[in-house]
Each structure stands twice: as C-alpha cells, then as structure tokens.
Amino acid sequence: LDWATPAKAPLDQAPLDQAPLDQMEGFYQDLESLLLKIGYLYPHTAASRMAKLRRLLQRAEPNSQELAMLRGVLRQINWAIASDQPSDQSET
C-alpha cells in the first residue's frame, strides 16, 4: 500500500507558511457561493455548514500555493457550470 502512504517532504525543505487570512476568506466566500449555486448549501443552513467546512479546512493549514490550487478548482467548476458542459466527456 505504498501508494496510499502520503509522501513526506524532504527534511531540508522548510514547511510553507499557512495562507494569509485574507486569502482564506476570499476562498471561503468563493466556496460558499459555489455551494449555494449547485444546491449543496441552502441559505437558511449555509452559515452552520460553512462553519464546519472552515474548521475542516483550517485544520489542513493550506499554504498560498495549495489555496491557489483549490481556488482554481472552484473557478473550473464555475466555468463548467456556465458552459453547461456534460460531466461525461467521452464520445458515443
């Protein structure tokens, strides 16, 4: 099960600092907007669900690069929704 074991950073690499709070807040706003758009969140329960998601993501302590990757995922999902692309890209 070597593939299931997370890779460890080399010891000579310093850990990257956690992403700044303003970047995290922007990500949370983008995430909440997307989750409302796709129907995962409902306006009357969004605050409590987002609080749980915030706690989960804060435990991960993402750095700026990781947060940029996650924001890229959100942008791509928004683009796919706007483009109305089917989820199955295979030809029939």
Foldseek 3Di string as FASTA:
>chain_A
DVVPDDDDDDPVDDDAAFADPVLVVVLLVLVLVLCVVVVVDDPVCSVVVSVVVSVVVVVVRHHPVVSVVSVVVSVVVVVCVVVVDDPDPDDD
